[in-house]
Amino acid sequence: MHNTQGKLQAKNINYIWNKLCKQAGIEGKPPHSARHYIGRKLGLKLGASAVQKELNHKSAATSLQYINIKKEEIK
């Protein structure tokens, strides 16, 4: 299940993710969507610099995408 550096392999992450999504009744969400969700919550609460640090982005511009509020969300 782990590689030589002690990290989970992608196929195992996908397996666990899919199993949890099935239990929760969630469809069509890849594991990476959790990263976006966390980035979004951090960005709205603490700002882009917190997102940049937590998600290890090299560019602040990448982190800014997480706090872009859409018109539908304002309503």
N, C-alpha and C. Protein backbone atom coordinates (compact mmCIF):
# COMPACT_ATOMS: atom_id res chain seq x y z
N MET A 1 0.82 -1.20 0.00
CA MET A 1 0.00 0.00 0.00
C MET A 1 0.87 1.26 0.00
N HIS A 2 2.04 1.20 0.62
CA HIS A 2 2.94 2.35 0.66
C HIS A 2 4.11 2.13 -0.29
N ASN A 3 4.69 3.24 -0.74
CA ASN A 3 5.90 3.11 -1.55
C ASN A 3 7.11 3.09 -0.63
N THR A 4 8.30 3.13 -1.17
CA THR A 4 9.51 3.01 -0.35
C THR A 4 9.75 4.22 0.55
N GLN A 5 9.12 5.35 0.26
CA GLN A 5 9.27 6.53 1.13
C GLN A 5 8.15 6.62 2.16
N GLY A 6 7.31 5.61 2.25
CA GLY A 6 6.23 5.61 3.24
C GLY A 6 5.00 6.38 2.83
N LYS A 7 4.90 6.77 1.56
CA LYS A 7 3.74 7.52 1.08
C LYS A 7 2.74 6.56 0.43
N LEU A 8 1.47 6.89 0.54
CA LEU A 8 0.45 6.10 -0.13
C LEU A 8 0.60 6.21 -1.64
N GLN A 9 0.39 5.12 -2.33
CA GLN A 9 0.43 5.14 -3.79
C GLN A 9 -0.89 5.70 -4.31
N ALA A 10 -0.85 6.32 -5.48
CA ALA A 10 -2.03 6.96 -6.07
C ALA A 10 -3.19 5.98 -6.21
N LYS A 11 -2.92 4.76 -6.64
CA LYS A 11 -4.00 3.79 -6.82
C LYS A 11 -4.69 3.47 -5.50
N ASN A 12 -3.94 3.48 -4.40
CA ASN A 12 -4.53 3.21 -3.09
C ASN A 12 -5.33 4.41 -2.58
N ILE A 13 -4.84 5.60 -2.87
CA ILE A 13 -5.60 6.81 -2.51
C ILE A 13 -6.93 6.80 -3.24
N ASN A 14 -6.90 6.49 -4.53
CA ASN A 14 -8.14 6.43 -5.32
C ASN A 14 -9.09 5.36 -4.78
N TYR A 15 -8.56 4.22 -4.41
CA TYR A 15 -9.39 3.15 -3.87
C TYR A 15 -10.10 3.60 -2.58
N ILE A 16 -9.33 4.16 -1.66
CA ILE A 16 -9.89 4.64 -0.39
C ILE A 16 -10.90 5.75 -0.64
N TRP A 17 -10.55 6.69 -1.50
CA TRP A 17 -11.43 7.82 -1.83
C TRP A 17 -12.76 7.32 -2.39
N ASN A 18 -12.68 6.44 -3.37
CA ASN A 18 -13.90 5.92 -4.00
C ASN A 18 -14.78 5.17 -3.01
N LYS A 19 -14.16 4.42 -2.12
CA LYS A 19 -14.91 3.69 -1.10
C LYS A 19 -15.63 4.66 -0.15
N LEU A 20 -14.95 5.70 0.28
CA LEU A 20 -15.55 6.69 1.17
C LEU A 20 -16.67 7.47 0.46
N CYS A 21 -16.44 7.83 -0.80
CA CYS A 21 -17.47 8.55 -1.56
C CYS A 21 -18.72 7.68 -1.72
N LYS A 22 -18.52 6.41 -1.98
CA LYS A 22 -19.66 5.51 -2.12
C LYS A 22 -20.46 5.45 -0.82
N GLN A 23 -19.76 5.35 0.30
CA GLN A 23 -20.42 5.32 1.61
C GLN A 23 -21.18 6.62 1.89
N ALA A 24 -20.65 7.73 1.41
CA ALA A 24 -21.26 9.04 1.65
C ALA A 24 -22.31 9.40 0.60
N GLY A 25 -22.43 8.57 -0.43
CA GLY A 25 -23.40 8.86 -1.48
C GLY A 25 -22.97 9.98 -2.41
N ILE A 26 -21.68 10.15 -2.58
CA ILE A 26 -21.12 11.20 -3.43
C ILE A 26 -20.61 10.56 -4.71
N GLU A 27 -20.95 11.16 -5.85
CA GLU A 27 -20.50 10.63 -7.14
C GLU A 27 -19.75 11.69 -7.94
N GLY A 28 -18.79 11.23 -8.73
CA GLY A 28 -18.13 12.10 -9.69
C GLY A 28 -17.13 13.09 -9.12
N LYS A 29 -16.63 12.85 -7.92
CA LYS A 29 -15.64 13.76 -7.34
C LYS A 29 -14.30 13.04 -7.19
N PRO A 30 -13.26 13.50 -7.89
CA PRO A 30 -11.94 12.87 -7.75
C PRO A 30 -11.27 13.30 -6.44
N PRO A 31 -10.25 12.58 -5.99
CA PRO A 31 -9.56 12.95 -4.75
C PRO A 31 -9.04 14.39 -4.76
N HIS A 32 -8.65 14.88 -5.93
CA HIS A 32 -8.11 16.24 -6.01
C HIS A 32 -9.17 17.29 -5.63
N SER A 33 -10.44 16.95 -5.74
CA SER A 33 -11.50 17.89 -5.38
C SER A 33 -11.43 18.25 -3.89
N ALA A 34 -10.93 17.33 -3.06
CA ALA A 34 -10.78 17.62 -1.63
C ALA A 34 -9.74 18.73 -1.42
N ARG A 35 -8.69 18.69 -2.21
CA ARG A 35 -7.65 19.74 -2.14
C ARG A 35 -8.24 21.10 -2.49
N HIS A 36 -9.07 21.13 -3.52
CA HIS A 36 -9.72 22.38 -3.91
C HIS A 36 -10.68 22.87 -2.83
N TYR A 37 -11.41 21.97 -2.23
CA TYR A 37 -12.35 22.33 -1.17
C TYR A 37 -11.59 22.96 0.01
N ILE A 38 -10.52 22.32 0.43
CA ILE A 38 -9.72 22.83 1.54
C ILE A 38 -9.11 24.19 1.18
N GLY A 39 -8.59 24.30 -0.02
CA GLY A 39 -8.02 25.58 -0.47
C GLY A 39 -9.04 26.68 -0.47
N ARG A 40 -10.24 26.37 -0.91
CA ARG A 40 -11.34 27.34 -0.95
C ARG A 40 -11.70 27.83 0.45
N LYS A 41 -11.87 26.90 1.37
CA LYS A 41 -12.22 27.25 2.75
C LYS A 41 -11.12 28.09 3.40
N LEU A 42 -9.88 27.67 3.21
CA LEU A 42 -8.75 28.44 3.75
C LEU A 42 -8.68 29.83 3.14
N GLY A 43 -8.86 29.89 1.84
CA GLY A 43 -8.77 31.17 1.13
C GLY A 43 -9.82 32.16 1.58
N LEU A 44 -11.05 31.69 1.74
CA LEU A 44 -12.12 32.59 2.16
C LEU A 44 -11.96 33.03 3.60
N LYS A 45 -11.38 32.17 4.43
CA LYS A 45 -11.22 32.50 5.84
C LYS A 45 -9.92 33.25 6.14
N LEU A 46 -8.83 32.81 5.52
CA LEU A 46 -7.52 33.34 5.89
C LEU A 46 -6.76 34.05 4.78
N GLY A 47 -7.25 33.97 3.55
CA GLY A 47 -6.60 34.67 2.44
C GLY A 47 -5.67 33.78 1.62
N ALA A 48 -5.25 34.34 0.50
CA ALA A 48 -4.45 33.60 -0.47
C ALA A 48 -3.10 33.16 0.07
N SER A 49 -2.51 33.94 0.97
CA SER A 49 -1.19 33.55 1.49
C SER A 49 -1.28 32.27 2.31
N ALA A 50 -2.39 32.07 3.02
CA ALA A 50 -2.59 30.82 3.77
C ALA A 50 -2.74 29.64 2.83
N VAL A 51 -3.45 29.85 1.73
CA VAL A 51 -3.62 28.80 0.72
C VAL A 51 -2.26 28.47 0.11
N GLN A 52 -1.51 29.49 -0.25
CA GLN A 52 -0.21 29.29 -0.86
C GLN A 52 0.70 28.46 0.05
N LYS A 53 0.70 28.78 1.32
CA LYS A 53 1.56 28.06 2.27
C LYS A 53 1.07 26.63 2.47
N GLU A 54 -0.21 26.45 2.71
CA GLU A 54 -0.76 25.13 3.03
C GLU A 54 -0.73 24.17 1.85
N LEU A 55 -1.01 24.67 0.65
CA LEU A 55 -1.05 23.80 -0.52
C LEU A 55 0.27 23.79 -1.29
N ASN A 56 1.25 24.50 -0.74
CA ASN A 56 2.61 24.51 -1.29
C ASN A 56 2.66 25.02 -2.73
N HIS A 57 1.97 26.11 -2.98
CA HIS A 57 2.00 26.73 -4.30
C HIS A 57 3.24 27.61 -4.41
N LYS A 58 3.91 27.57 -5.53
CA LYS A 58 5.06 28.44 -5.75
C LYS A 58 4.61 29.86 -6.09
N SER A 59 3.46 29.96 -6.77
CA SER A 59 2.96 31.26 -7.22
C SER A 59 1.71 31.66 -6.44
N ALA A 60 1.68 32.91 -5.99
CA ALA A 60 0.49 33.42 -5.30
C ALA A 60 -0.71 33.46 -6.25
N ALA A 61 -0.45 33.63 -7.55
CA ALA A 61 -1.52 33.67 -8.54
C ALA A 61 -2.29 32.34 -8.56
N THR A 62 -1.60 31.24 -8.37
CA THR A 62 -2.26 29.94 -8.31
C THR A 62 -3.20 29.88 -7.12
N SER A 63 -2.78 30.44 -6.02
CA SER A 63 -3.59 30.43 -4.79
C SER A 63 -4.81 31.33 -4.90
N LEU A 64 -4.72 32.39 -5.68
CA LEU A 64 -5.83 33.33 -5.82
C LEU A 64 -7.07 32.69 -6.44
N GLN A 65 -6.89 31.65 -7.25
CA GLN A 65 -8.04 31.00 -7.88
C GLN A 65 -8.98 30.39 -6.84
N TYR A 66 -8.48 30.09 -5.67
CA TYR A 66 -9.30 29.47 -4.63
C TYR A 66 -10.24 30.46 -3.95
N ILE A 67 -9.96 31.74 -4.07
CA ILE A 67 -10.83 32.72 -3.40
C ILE A 67 -11.62 33.57 -4.39
N ASN A 68 -11.68 33.13 -5.62
CA ASN A 68 -12.48 33.81 -6.63
C ASN A 68 -13.96 33.48 -6.38
N ILE A 69 -14.74 34.46 -5.95
CA ILE A 69 -16.14 34.25 -5.62
C ILE A 69 -16.99 34.44 -6.87
N LYS A 70 -17.84 33.46 -7.13
CA LYS A 70 -18.71 33.50 -8.30
C LYS A 70 -20.02 34.22 -7.98
N LYS A 71 -20.67 34.78 -9.00
CA LYS A 71 -21.93 35.49 -8.81
C LYS A 71 -22.99 34.63 -8.13
N GLU A 72 -23.04 33.34 -8.49
CA GLU A 72 -24.04 32.45 -7.90
C GLU A 72 -23.84 32.30 -6.40
N GLU A 73 -22.58 32.36 -5.95
CA GLU A 73 -22.28 32.22 -4.53
C GLU A 73 -22.69 33.45 -3.74
N ILE A 74 -22.65 34.62 -4.36
CA ILE A 74 -23.03 35.85 -3.68
C ILE A 74 -24.52 35.86 -3.39
N LYS A 75 -25.29 35.35 -4.37
CA LYS A 75 -26.75 35.30 -4.19
C LYS A 75 -27.09 34.36 -3.09
